[in-house]
């Protein structure tokens, strides 16, 4: 099954499952597959395919997954997926985990290892291809702008966004609370149409007068206040499958990742090798934001990012 989380949740809720179904997902209550007798092994196994972050968001957003018995693996050697860094050396790719699970459930079935042979060849081919491309790229002019292709081909698919996060924790008594700050305000604009998105999220930081004076958010911008879950669904409705969300800083896009709202790939504008001529203090308002009259910090910084995207588009056209 392939779809967005909410679509998967709807489809999975009605999918027929066997009485002996289980979920391959680690956790305190997960049973080690290799320790089970044949009678205890699952008859059907659900495997989540995605990055570790994506797998966590799928588990969170699909209620039926949380009702299934959970099973885990105990890898005896590091994973073979050398293309992407995993959370730890024994983390496995989806294919490796599936092969290990099948081998534990059906130890007498031959041929599972051949899947890993194909996997190893695929990785070697991709690494070889990447090295080949790197040699070709050596001829590029040093310092040339690495402008993403989507900015030169179809800027209508770009959604420029900026978000404010909760005030940092400065209370030593609660410094052990290590949860990632959540967004408390998010605004964005679609470059192709000018569609504007604005959402204020419930947070104790909104009661901090000093902090709120810096943000300069109006009462209108703070209404209505929604929960993080409600924000996630509003944002999911706004973005499209082929959008790219452009933020000036990596920390801004990470706000979406930390709450499982990264529904479209992101572009970090600061990583592009082109010094922007526009500055945050530039008072000019991009035409696409001319209907927005607020003087808030979030809107000002969104305008800055929009001006930079416009610069990049112009640079690529020259």
C-alpha atoms as a PDB file:
ATOM      1  CA  UNK A   1       0.000   0.000   0.000  1.00  0.00           C
ATOM      2  CA  UNK A   2       1.337   3.435  -0.975  1.00  0.00           C
ATOM      3  CA  UNK A   3      -0.408   6.715  -0.072  1.00  0.00           C
ATOM      4  CA  UNK A   4      -0.397   9.560   2.422  1.00  0.00           C
ATOM      5  CA  UNK A   5      -0.802   8.628   6.080  1.00  0.00           C
ATOM      6  CA  UNK A   6      -4.498   9.497   6.351  1.00  0.00           C
ATOM      7  CA  UNK A   7      -5.307   7.591   3.147  1.00  0.00           C
ATOM      8  CA  UNK A   8      -3.340   4.586   4.367  1.00  0.00           C
ATOM      9  CA  UNK A   9      -5.198   4.713   7.679  1.00  0.00           C
ATOM     10  CA  UNK A  10      -8.562   4.624   5.897  1.00  0.00           C
ATOM     11  CA  UNK A  11      -7.568   1.774   3.573  1.00  0.00           C
ATOM     12  CA  UNK A  12      -5.796  -0.268   6.239  1.00  0.00           C
ATOM     13  CA  UNK A  13      -8.795   0.040   8.569  1.00  0.00           C
ATOM     14  CA  UNK A  14     -10.881  -2.116   6.204  1.00  0.00           C
ATOM     15  CA  UNK A  15      -8.165  -4.437   4.888  1.00  0.00           C
ATOM     16  CA  UNK A  16      -8.799  -8.126   5.705  1.00  0.00           C
ATOM     17  CA  UNK A  17      -6.126  -9.512   8.029  1.00  0.00           C
ATOM     18  CA  UNK A  18      -5.596 -13.047   9.275  1.00  0.00           C
ATOM     19  CA  UNK A  19      -6.077 -14.038  12.899  1.00  0.00           C
ATOM     20  CA  UNK A  20      -2.337 -14.581  13.229  1.00  0.00           C
ATOM     21  CA  UNK A  21      -1.285 -11.148  11.955  1.00  0.00           C
ATOM     22  CA  UNK A  22       1.502  -9.159  13.563  1.00  0.00           C
ATOM     23  CA  UNK A  23       3.496  -5.972  13.011  1.00  0.00           C
ATOM     24  CA  UNK A  24       7.260  -5.836  12.549  1.00  0.00           C
ATOM     25  CA  UNK A  25       8.029  -2.826  14.718  1.00  0.00           C
ATOM     26  CA  UNK A  26      10.397  -2.493  17.697  1.00  0.00           C
ATOM     27  CA  UNK A  27       9.230  -1.626  21.189  1.00  0.00           C
ATOM     28  CA  UNK A  28       9.256  -2.710  24.811  1.00  0.00           C
ATOM     29  CA  UNK A  29       6.425  -5.214  24.276  1.00  0.00           C
ATOM     30  CA  UNK A  30       7.644  -6.523  20.925  1.00  0.00           C
ATOM     31  CA  UNK A  31       8.489 -10.249  20.870  1.00  0.00           C
ATOM     32  CA  UNK A  32      11.794 -11.371  19.403  1.00  0.00           C
ATOM     33  CA  UNK A  33      10.963 -13.427  16.304  1.00  0.00           C
ATOM     34  CA  UNK A  34      13.954 -15.721  16.638  1.00  0.00           C
ATOM     35  CA  UNK A  35      12.852 -16.778  20.154  1.00  0.00           C
ATOM     36  CA  UNK A  36       9.391 -17.975  19.131  1.00  0.00           C
ATOM     37  CA  UNK A  37       8.275 -21.543  18.594  1.00  0.00           C
ATOM     38  CA  UNK A  38       6.573 -22.369  15.262  1.00  0.00           C
ATOM     39  CA  UNK A  39       3.176 -22.119  16.954  1.00  0.00           C
ATOM     40  CA  UNK A  40       3.954 -18.647  18.311  1.00  0.00           C
ATOM     41  CA  UNK A  41       5.182 -17.160  15.036  1.00  0.00           C
ATOM     42  CA  UNK A  42       2.859 -14.761  13.178  1.00  0.00           C
ATOM     43  CA  UNK A  43       0.996 -16.163  10.181  1.00  0.00           C
ATOM     44  CA  UNK A  44       0.913 -12.759   8.504  1.00  0.00           C
ATOM     45  CA  UNK A  45       3.353  -9.911   9.049  1.00  0.00           C
ATOM     46  CA  UNK A  46       2.821  -6.216   8.329  1.00  0.00           C
ATOM     47  CA  UNK A  47       6.035  -4.326   7.475  1.00  0.00           C
ATOM     48  CA  UNK A  48       6.241  -0.519   7.409  1.00  0.00           C
ATOM     49  CA  UNK A  49       8.345   0.775   4.518  1.00  0.00           C
ATOM     50  CA  UNK A  50      10.015   4.161   4.918  1.00  0.00           C
ATOM     51  CA  UNK A  51      12.689   6.073   6.786  1.00  0.00           C
ATOM     52  CA  UNK A  52      12.773   5.709  10.575  1.00  0.00           C
ATOM     53  CA  UNK A  53      11.070   9.078  10.894  1.00  0.00           C
ATOM     54  CA  UNK A  54       8.394   8.136   8.362  1.00  0.00           C
ATOM     55  CA  UNK A  55       7.822   4.755  10.023  1.00  0.00           C
ATOM     56  CA  UNK A  56       7.186   6.473  13.363  1.00  0.00           C
ATOM     57  CA  UNK A  57       4.686   8.872  11.797  1.00  0.00           C
ATOM     58  CA  UNK A  58       2.897   5.990  10.043  1.00  0.00           C
ATOM     59  CA  UNK A  59       2.646   4.052  13.299  1.00  0.00           C
ATOM     60  CA  UNK A  60       1.280   7.144  15.022  1.00  0.00           C
ATOM     61  CA  UNK A  61      -1.230   8.071  12.288  1.00  0.00           C
ATOM     62  CA  UNK A  62      -2.638   4.602  11.506  1.00  0.00           C
ATOM     63  CA  UNK A  63      -4.607   3.507  14.593  1.00  0.00           C
ATOM     64  CA  UNK A  64      -5.044  -0.098  13.493  1.00  0.00           C
ATOM     65  CA  UNK A  65      -1.274  -0.632  13.437  1.00  0.00           C
ATOM     66  CA  UNK A  66      -1.182   0.160  17.144  1.00  0.00           C
ATOM     67  CA  UNK A  67      -3.618  -2.685  17.887  1.00  0.00           C
ATOM     68  CA  UNK A  68      -1.477  -5.413  16.292  1.00  0.00           C
ATOM     69  CA  UNK A  69       0.910  -7.677  18.221  1.00  0.00           C
ATOM     70  CA  UNK A  70       4.440  -6.392  17.677  1.00  0.00           C
ATOM     71  CA  UNK A  71       7.534  -8.374  16.733  1.00  0.00           C
ATOM     72  CA  UNK A  72      11.157  -7.359  16.522  1.00  0.00           C
ATOM     73  CA  UNK A  73      14.524  -8.505  15.232  1.00  0.00           C
ATOM     74  CA  UNK A  74      17.935  -8.729  16.866  1.00  0.00           C
ATOM     75  CA  UNK A  75      20.426  -8.197  13.997  1.00  0.00           C
ATOM     76  CA  UNK A  76      23.751  -9.896  14.568  1.00  0.00           C
ATOM     77  CA  UNK A  77      25.618  -7.701  12.082  1.00  0.00           C
ATOM     78  CA  UNK A  78      25.408  -4.138  10.745  1.00  0.00           C
ATOM     79  CA  UNK A  79      22.958  -3.305   7.983  1.00  0.00           C
ATOM     80  CA  UNK A  80      24.175  -3.388   4.382  1.00  0.00           C
ATOM     81  CA  UNK A  81      22.474  -0.214   3.177  1.00  0.00           C
ATOM     82  CA  UNK A  82      25.509   2.030   2.655  1.00  0.00           C
ATOM     83  CA  UNK A  83      23.742   4.776   0.714  1.00  0.00           C
ATOM     84  CA  UNK A  84      21.864   6.388   3.602  1.00  0.00           C
ATOM     85  CA  UNK A  85      22.980   6.708   7.213  1.00  0.00           C
ATOM     86  CA  UNK A  86      20.786   4.702   9.575  1.00  0.00           C
ATOM     87  CA  UNK A  87      20.023   5.592  13.234  1.00  0.00           C
ATOM     88  CA  UNK A  88      22.563   3.011  14.441  1.00  0.00           C
ATOM     89  CA  UNK A  89      24.875   0.445  12.911  1.00  0.00           C
ATOM     90  CA  UNK A  90      22.426  -2.427  13.418  1.00  0.00           C
ATOM     91  CA  UNK A  91      19.445  -0.648  11.868  1.00  0.00           C
ATOM     92  CA  UNK A  92      18.230  -2.494   8.777  1.00  0.00           C
ATOM     93  CA  UNK A  93      16.684  -1.352   5.534  1.00  0.00           C
ATOM     94  CA  UNK A  94      13.128  -2.507   4.829  1.00  0.00           C
ATOM     95  CA  UNK A  95      14.322  -5.291   2.530  1.00  0.00           C
ATOM     96  CA  UNK A  96      16.914  -6.546   5.015  1.00  0.00           C
ATOM     97  CA  UNK A  97      14.351  -6.501   7.824  1.00  0.00           C
ATOM     98  CA  UNK A  98      11.824  -8.361   5.673  1.00  0.00           C
ATOM     99  CA  UNK A  99      14.359 -11.033   4.735  1.00  0.00           C
ATOM    100  CA  UNK A 100      15.429 -11.431   8.373  1.00  0.00           C
ATOM    101  CA  UNK A 101      11.800 -11.716   9.490  1.00  0.00           C
ATOM    102  CA  UNK A 102      10.920 -14.284   6.813  1.00  0.00           C
ATOM    103  CA  UNK A 103      14.009 -16.306   7.698  1.00  0.00           C
ATOM    104  CA  UNK A 104      12.917 -16.363  11.351  1.00  0.00           C
ATOM    105  CA  UNK A 105       9.293 -17.245  10.554  1.00  0.00           C
ATOM    106  CA  UNK A 106      10.072 -19.810   7.829  1.00  0.00           C
ATOM    107  CA  UNK A 107      13.607 -21.051   8.610  1.00  0.00           C
ATOM    108  CA  UNK A 108      13.287 -24.060   6.281  1.00  0.00           C
ATOM    109  CA  UNK A 109      12.301 -22.024   3.218  1.00  0.00           C
ATOM    110  CA  UNK A 110      15.317 -21.588   0.892  1.00  0.00           C
ATOM    111  CA  UNK A 111      16.187 -18.587  -1.271  1.00  0.00           C
ATOM    112  CA  UNK A 112      15.777 -15.612   1.031  1.00  0.00           C
ATOM    113  CA  UNK A 113      19.504 -14.835   0.917  1.00  0.00           C
ATOM    114  CA  UNK A 114      19.310 -14.392  -2.856  1.00  0.00           C
ATOM    115  CA  UNK A 115      17.212 -11.289  -2.254  1.00  0.00           C
ATOM    116  CA  UNK A 116      20.126  -9.796  -0.341  1.00  0.00           C
ATOM    117  CA  UNK A 117      22.511 -10.619  -3.194  1.00  0.00           C
ATOM    118  CA  UNK A 118      20.339  -8.547  -5.521  1.00  0.00           C
ATOM    119  CA  UNK A 119      20.189  -5.822  -2.861  1.00  0.00           C
ATOM    120  CA  UNK A 120      23.992  -5.703  -2.614  1.00  0.00           C
ATOM    121  CA  UNK A 121      24.341  -5.418  -6.401  1.00  0.00           C
ATOM    122  CA  UNK A 122      21.799  -2.597  -6.499  1.00  0.00           C
ATOM    123  CA  UNK A 123      23.711  -0.662  -3.834  1.00  0.00           C
ATOM    124  CA  UNK A 124      27.032  -1.199  -5.611  1.00  0.00           C
ATOM    125  CA  UNK A 125      25.517   0.039  -8.875  1.00  0.00           C
ATOM    126  CA  UNK A 126      24.113   3.171  -7.224  1.00  0.00           C
ATOM    127  CA  UNK A 127      27.385   3.981  -5.470  1.00  0.00           C
ATOM    128  CA  UNK A 128      29.283   3.445  -8.718  1.00  0.00           C
ATOM    129  CA  UNK A 129      26.851   5.689 -10.558  1.00  0.00           C
ATOM    130  CA  UNK A 130      27.208   8.400  -7.920  1.00  0.00           C
ATOM    131  CA  UNK A 131      31.020   8.302  -8.162  1.00  0.00           C
ATOM    132  CA  UNK A 132      30.806   8.529 -11.945  1.00  0.00           C
ATOM    133  CA  UNK A 133      28.574  11.582 -11.718  1.00  0.00           C
ATOM    134  CA  UNK A 134      30.904  13.149  -9.180  1.00  0.00           C
ATOM    135  CA  UNK A 135      33.803  12.902 -11.617  1.00  0.00           C
ATOM    136  CA  UNK A 136      31.666  14.571 -14.262  1.00  0.00           C
ATOM    137  CA  UNK A 137      30.686  17.314 -11.860  1.00  0.00           C
ATOM    138  CA  UNK A 138      34.322  18.195 -11.207  1.00  0.00           C
ATOM    139  CA  UNK A 139      34.245  20.266 -14.381  1.00  0.00           C
ATOM    140  CA  UNK A 140      31.612  22.576 -12.948  1.00  0.00           C
ATOM    141  CA  UNK A 141      32.704  26.106 -12.206  1.00  0.00           C
ATOM    142  CA  UNK A 142      33.704  26.400  -8.580  1.00  0.00           C
ATOM    143  CA  UNK A 143      31.084  28.325  -6.684  1.00  0.00           C
ATOM    144  CA  UNK A 144      28.365  27.796  -9.281  1.00  0.00           C
ATOM    145  CA  UNK A 145      24.862  27.973  -7.866  1.00  0.00           C
ATOM    146  CA  UNK A 146      23.307  24.593  -7.128  1.00  0.00           C
ATOM    147  CA  UNK A 147      19.790  25.797  -7.902  1.00  0.00           C
ATOM    148  CA  UNK A 148      17.242  22.953  -7.633  1.00  0.00           C
ATOM    149  CA  UNK A 149      15.777  22.002 -10.990  1.00  0.00           C
ATOM    150  CA  UNK A 150      12.210  22.608  -9.835  1.00  0.00           C
ATOM    151  CA  UNK A 151      13.039  26.325  -9.516  1.00  0.00           C
ATOM    152  CA  UNK A 152      14.076  26.453 -13.158  1.00  0.00           C
ATOM    153  CA  UNK A 153      11.329  24.242 -14.560  1.00  0.00           C
ATOM    154  CA  UNK A 154       8.080  24.842 -12.675  1.00  0.00           C
ATOM    155  CA  UNK A 155       8.063  27.400  -9.884  1.00  0.00           C
ATOM    156  CA  UNK A 156       4.311  26.847  -9.512  1.00  0.00           C
ATOM    157  CA  UNK A 157       5.170  23.713  -7.520  1.00  0.00           C
ATOM    158  CA  UNK A 158       7.074  25.741  -4.927  1.00  0.00           C
ATOM    159  CA  UNK A 159       5.444  26.519  -1.585  1.00  0.00           C
ATOM    160  CA  UNK A 160       7.576  28.990   0.381  1.00  0.00           C
ATOM    161  CA  UNK A 161       7.115  28.640   4.135  1.00  0.00           C
ATOM    162  CA  UNK A 162       8.276  30.103   7.413  1.00  0.00           C
ATOM    163  CA  UNK A 163       7.344  29.010  10.912  1.00  0.00           C
ATOM    164  CA  UNK A 164       7.963  30.198  14.452  1.00  0.00           C
ATOM    165  CA  UNK A 165       8.673  27.613  17.104  1.00  0.00           C
ATOM    166  CA  UNK A 166       7.912  27.547  20.798  1.00  0.00           C
ATOM    167  CA  UNK A 167      10.096  29.603  23.091  1.00  0.00           C
ATOM    168  CA  UNK A 168      13.212  27.729  24.173  1.00  0.00           C
ATOM    169  CA  UNK A 169      13.244  26.206  27.647  1.00  0.00           C
ATOM    170  CA  UNK A 170      15.280  28.418  29.986  1.00  0.00           C
ATOM    171  CA  UNK A 171      13.977  26.978  33.248  1.00  0.00           C
ATOM    172  CA  UNK A 172      16.737  24.838  34.752  1.00  0.00           C
ATOM    173  CA  UNK A 173      14.183  22.989  36.856  1.00  0.00           C
ATOM    174  CA  UNK A 174      12.644  21.532  33.723  1.00  0.00           C
ATOM    175  CA  UNK A 175      15.745  21.312  31.573  1.00  0.00           C
ATOM    176  CA  UNK A 176      15.483  17.554  31.459  1.00  0.00           C
ATOM    177  CA  UNK A 177      12.438  17.870  29.165  1.00  0.00           C
ATOM    178  CA  UNK A 178      14.112  17.045  25.860  1.00  0.00           C
ATOM    179  CA  UNK A 179      11.139  17.090  23.493  1.00  0.00           C
ATOM    180  CA  UNK A 180      11.682  19.016  20.266  1.00  0.00           C
ATOM    181  CA  UNK A 181      10.037  22.451  20.134  1.00  0.00           C
ATOM    182  CA  UNK A 182       6.783  22.418  18.198  1.00  0.00           C
ATOM    183  CA  UNK A 183       5.714  25.126  15.759  1.00  0.00           C
ATOM    184  CA  UNK A 184       3.412  27.769  17.234  1.00  0.00           C
ATOM    185  CA  UNK A 185       2.837  29.779  14.039  1.00  0.00           C
ATOM    186  CA  UNK A 186       3.160  28.828  10.388  1.00  0.00           C
ATOM    187  CA  UNK A 187       2.651  30.850   7.214  1.00  0.00           C
ATOM    188  CA  UNK A 188       3.279  29.894   3.610  1.00  0.00           C
ATOM    189  CA  UNK A 189       2.459  30.946   0.068  1.00  0.00           C
ATOM    190  CA  UNK A 190       2.201  29.004  -3.179  1.00  0.00           C
ATOM    191  CA  UNK A 191       4.385  30.712  -5.780  1.00  0.00           C
ATOM    192  CA  UNK A 192       2.220  29.740  -8.730  1.00  0.00           C
ATOM    193  CA  UNK A 193      -1.129  31.005  -7.479  1.00  0.00           C
ATOM    194  CA  UNK A 194      -0.525  33.179  -4.424  1.00  0.00           C
ATOM    195  CA  UNK A 195      -2.600  30.846  -2.223  1.00  0.00           C
ATOM    196  CA  UNK A 196      -1.776  31.808   1.350  1.00  0.00           C
ATOM    197  CA  UNK A 197      -1.639  29.538   4.400  1.00  0.00           C
ATOM    198  CA  UNK A 198      -1.634  30.783   7.969  1.00  0.00           C
ATOM    199  CA  UNK A 199      -2.115  28.840  11.185  1.00  0.00           C
ATOM    200  CA  UNK A 200      -1.514  29.534  14.880  1.00  0.00           C
ATOM    201  CA  UNK A 201      -0.948  26.540  17.144  1.00  0.00           C
ATOM    202  CA  UNK A 202      -1.805  26.281  20.820  1.00  0.00           C
ATOM    203  CA  UNK A 203       1.277  26.744  23.007  1.00  0.00           C
ATOM    204  CA  UNK A 204       2.189  28.021  26.466  1.00  0.00           C
ATOM    205  CA  UNK A 205       4.706  30.278  24.702  1.00  0.00           C
ATOM    206  CA  UNK A 206       1.812  32.427  23.485  1.00  0.00           C
ATOM    207  CA  UNK A 207       1.384  33.670  27.073  1.00  0.00           C
ATOM    208  CA  UNK A 208       4.969  34.962  27.233  1.00  0.00           C
ATOM    209  CA  UNK A 209       4.539  38.715  26.666  1.00  0.00           C
ATOM    210  CA  UNK A 210       8.213  39.400  25.949  1.00  0.00           C
ATOM    211  CA  UNK A 211       8.396  36.568  23.436  1.00  0.00           C
ATOM    212  CA  UNK A 212       5.167  37.625  21.712  1.00  0.00           C
ATOM    213  CA  UNK A 213       6.345  41.244  21.403  1.00  0.00           C
ATOM    214  CA  UNK A 214       9.231  39.993  19.285  1.00  0.00           C
ATOM    215  CA  UNK A 215       6.870  38.095  16.993  1.00  0.00           C
ATOM    216  CA  UNK A 216       4.498  41.092  16.616  1.00  0.00           C
ATOM    217  CA  UNK A 217       1.586  38.813  15.737  1.00  0.00           C
ATOM    218  CA  UNK A 218      -1.819  40.457  15.578  1.00  0.00           C
ATOM    219  CA  UNK A 219      -4.950  39.124  17.251  1.00  0.00           C
ATOM    220  CA  UNK A 220      -6.315  38.281  13.811  1.00  0.00           C
ATOM    221  CA  UNK A 221      -3.256  36.173  13.011  1.00  0.00           C
ATOM    222  CA  UNK A 222      -3.638  34.216  16.249  1.00  0.00           C
ATOM    223  CA  UNK A 223      -7.239  33.194  15.605  1.00  0.00           C
ATOM    224  CA  UNK A 224      -8.309  30.502  15.656  1.00  0.00           C
ATOM    225  CA  UNK A 225      -5.779  28.616  17.759  1.00  0.00           C
ATOM    226  CA  UNK A 226      -5.585  24.948  16.795  1.00  0.00           C
ATOM    227  CA  UNK A 227      -3.920  21.835  18.185  1.00  0.00           C
ATOM    228  CA  UNK A 228      -0.818  20.330  16.595  1.00  0.00           C
ATOM    229  CA  UNK A 229      -2.962  17.533  15.149  1.00  0.00           C
ATOM    230  CA  UNK A 230      -5.375  20.053  13.633  1.00  0.00           C
ATOM    231  CA  UNK A 231      -2.467  22.023  12.164  1.00  0.00           C
ATOM    232  CA  UNK A 232      -1.052  18.845  10.652  1.00  0.00           C
ATOM    233  CA  UNK A 233      -4.332  18.103   8.886  1.00  0.00           C
ATOM    234  CA  UNK A 234      -4.725  21.686   7.646  1.00  0.00           C
ATOM    235  CA  UNK A 235      -1.203  21.629   6.250  1.00  0.00           C
ATOM    236  CA  UNK A 236      -1.790  18.227   4.670  1.00  0.00           C
ATOM    237  CA  UNK A 237      -4.823  19.690   2.866  1.00  0.00           C
ATOM    238  CA  UNK A 238      -2.860  22.708   1.610  1.00  0.00           C
ATOM    239  CA  UNK A 239       0.192  21.000   0.118  1.00  0.00           C
ATOM    240  CA  UNK A 240       0.017  18.828  -2.989  1.00  0.00           C
ATOM    241  CA  UNK A 241       1.845  15.561  -3.764  1.00  0.00           C
ATOM    242  CA  UNK A 242       4.215  17.193  -6.281  1.00  0.00           C
ATOM    243  CA  UNK A 243       4.914  20.359  -4.242  1.00  0.00           C
ATOM    244  CA  UNK A 244       8.319  21.304  -2.876  1.00  0.00           C
ATOM    245  CA  UNK A 245       8.330  23.235   0.387  1.00  0.00           C
ATOM    246  CA  UNK A 246      11.059  25.901   0.384  1.00  0.00           C
ATOM    247  CA  UNK A 247      12.319  27.219   3.718  1.00  0.00           C
ATOM    248  CA  UNK A 248      15.287  29.476   4.291  1.00  0.00           C
ATOM    249  CA  UNK A 249      16.735  27.410   7.134  1.00  0.00           C
ATOM    250  CA  UNK A 250      16.888  23.685   7.779  1.00  0.00           C
ATOM    251  CA  UNK A 251      15.528  24.265  11.281  1.00  0.00           C
ATOM    252  CA  UNK A 252      12.254  25.519   9.791  1.00  0.00           C
ATOM    253  CA  UNK A 253      11.621  22.398   7.722  1.00  0.00           C
ATOM    254  CA  UNK A 254      12.602  20.300  10.746  1.00  0.00           C
ATOM    255  CA  UNK A 255       9.636  21.769  12.627  1.00  0.00           C
ATOM    256  CA  UNK A 256       7.401  19.896  10.196  1.00  0.00           C
ATOM    257  CA  UNK A 257       9.437  16.700  10.450  1.00  0.00           C
ATOM    258  CA  UNK A 258       9.297  16.662  14.243  1.00  0.00           C
ATOM    259  CA  UNK A 259       5.486  16.614  14.255  1.00  0.00           C
ATOM    260  CA  UNK A 260       5.073  14.298  11.251  1.00  0.00           C
ATOM    261  CA  UNK A 261       3.830  17.052   8.926  1.00  0.00           C
ATOM    262  CA  UNK A 262       6.541  16.814   6.260  1.00  0.00           C
ATOM    263  CA  UNK A 263       4.149  15.710   3.522  1.00  0.00           C
ATOM    264  CA  UNK A 264       6.183  17.180   0.636  1.00  0.00           C
ATOM    265  CA  UNK A 265       9.951  17.219  -0.016  1.00  0.00           C
ATOM    266  CA  UNK A 266      11.725  20.315   1.252  1.00  0.00           C
ATOM    267  CA  UNK A 267      14.254  22.703  -0.259  1.00  0.00           C
ATOM    268  CA  UNK A 268      16.588  24.571   2.105  1.00  0.00           C
ATOM    269  CA  UNK A 269      17.297  27.894   0.418  1.00  0.00           C
ATOM    270  CA  UNK A 270      20.363  28.655   2.537  1.00  0.00           C
ATOM    271  CA  UNK A 271      22.093  25.560   1.125  1.00  0.00           C
ATOM    272  CA  UNK A 272      21.993  27.034  -2.398  1.00  0.00           C
ATOM    273  CA  UNK A 273      25.346  28.487  -3.379  1.00  0.00           C
ATOM    274  CA  UNK A 274      24.129  31.973  -4.237  1.00  0.00           C
ATOM    275  CA  UNK A 275      24.336  34.917  -1.872  1.00  0.00           C
ATOM    276  CA  UNK A 276      20.924  36.587  -1.795  1.00  0.00           C
ATOM    277  CA  UNK A 277      20.874  40.268  -2.712  1.00  0.00           C
ATOM    278  CA  UNK A 278      17.747  40.735  -0.634  1.00  0.00           C
ATOM    279  CA  UNK A 279      18.013  41.119   3.124  1.00  0.00           C
ATOM    280  CA  UNK A 280      15.548  40.379   5.886  1.00  0.00           C
ATOM    281  CA  UNK A 281      15.369  44.121   6.629  1.00  0.00           C
ATOM    282  CA  UNK A 282      14.348  44.887   3.031  1.00  0.00           C
ATOM    283  CA  UNK A 283      10.935  46.609   3.325  1.00  0.00           C
ATOM    284  CA  UNK A 284       9.772  45.556  -0.135  1.00  0.00           C
ATOM    285  CA  UNK A 285       6.733  43.298  -0.196  1.00  0.00           C
ATOM    286  CA  UNK A 286       6.681  40.707  -2.990  1.00  0.00           C
ATOM    287  CA  UNK A 287       3.689  41.143  -5.273  1.00  0.00           C
ATOM    288  CA  UNK A 288       2.502  37.664  -4.379  1.00  0.00           C
ATOM    289  CA  UNK A 289       2.109  38.800  -0.737  1.00  0.00           C
ATOM    290  CA  UNK A 290       0.613  42.230  -1.469  1.00  0.00           C
ATOM    291  CA  UNK A 291      -2.705  41.258   0.149  1.00  0.00           C
ATOM    292  CA  UNK A 292      -0.986  40.490   3.471  1.00  0.00           C
ATOM    293  CA  UNK A 293      -0.730  43.671   5.534  1.00  0.00           C
ATOM    294  CA  UNK A 294       0.697  42.375   8.812  1.00  0.00           C
ATOM    295  CA  UNK A 295       4.050  43.616  10.088  1.00  0.00           C
ATOM    296  CA  UNK A 296       4.696  40.409  12.042  1.00  0.00           C
ATOM    297  CA  UNK A 297       8.090  38.747  12.102  1.00  0.00           C
ATOM    298  CA  UNK A 298       6.763  35.524  10.517  1.00  0.00           C
ATOM    299  CA  UNK A 299       5.334  37.400   7.520  1.00  0.00           C
ATOM    300  CA  UNK A 300       8.463  39.541   7.149  1.00  0.00           C
ATOM    301  CA  UNK A 301      10.675  36.463   7.083  1.00  0.00           C
ATOM    302  CA  UNK A 302       8.331  34.695   4.681  1.00  0.00           C
ATOM    303  CA  UNK A 303       8.601  37.720   2.366  1.00  0.00           C
ATOM    304  CA  UNK A 304      12.397  37.477   2.614  1.00  0.00           C
ATOM    305  CA  UNK A 305      12.319  33.837   1.535  1.00  0.00           C
ATOM    306  CA  UNK A 306       9.921  34.648  -1.327  1.00  0.00           C
ATOM    307  CA  UNK A 307      12.227  37.422  -2.586  1.00  0.00           C
ATOM    308  CA  UNK A 308      15.140  34.980  -2.540  1.00  0.00           C
ATOM    309  CA  UNK A 309      13.161  32.400  -4.534  1.00  0.00           C
ATOM    310  CA  UNK A 310      12.355  35.124  -7.065  1.00  0.00           C
ATOM    311  CA  UNK A 311      16.082  35.927  -7.246  1.00  0.00           C
ATOM    312  CA  UNK A 312      16.908  32.280  -7.879  1.00  0.00           C
ATOM    313  CA  UNK A 313      14.333  32.024 -10.652  1.00  0.00           C
ATOM    314  CA  UNK A 314      15.736  35.175 -12.265  1.00  0.00           C
ATOM    315  CA  UNK A 315      19.317  33.937 -11.853  1.00  0.00           C
ATOM    316  CA  UNK A 316      18.478  30.651 -13.562  1.00  0.00           C
ATOM    317  CA  UNK A 317      16.778  32.459 -16.437  1.00  0.00           C
ATOM    318  CA  UNK A 318      19.891  34.545 -17.194  1.00  0.00           C
END
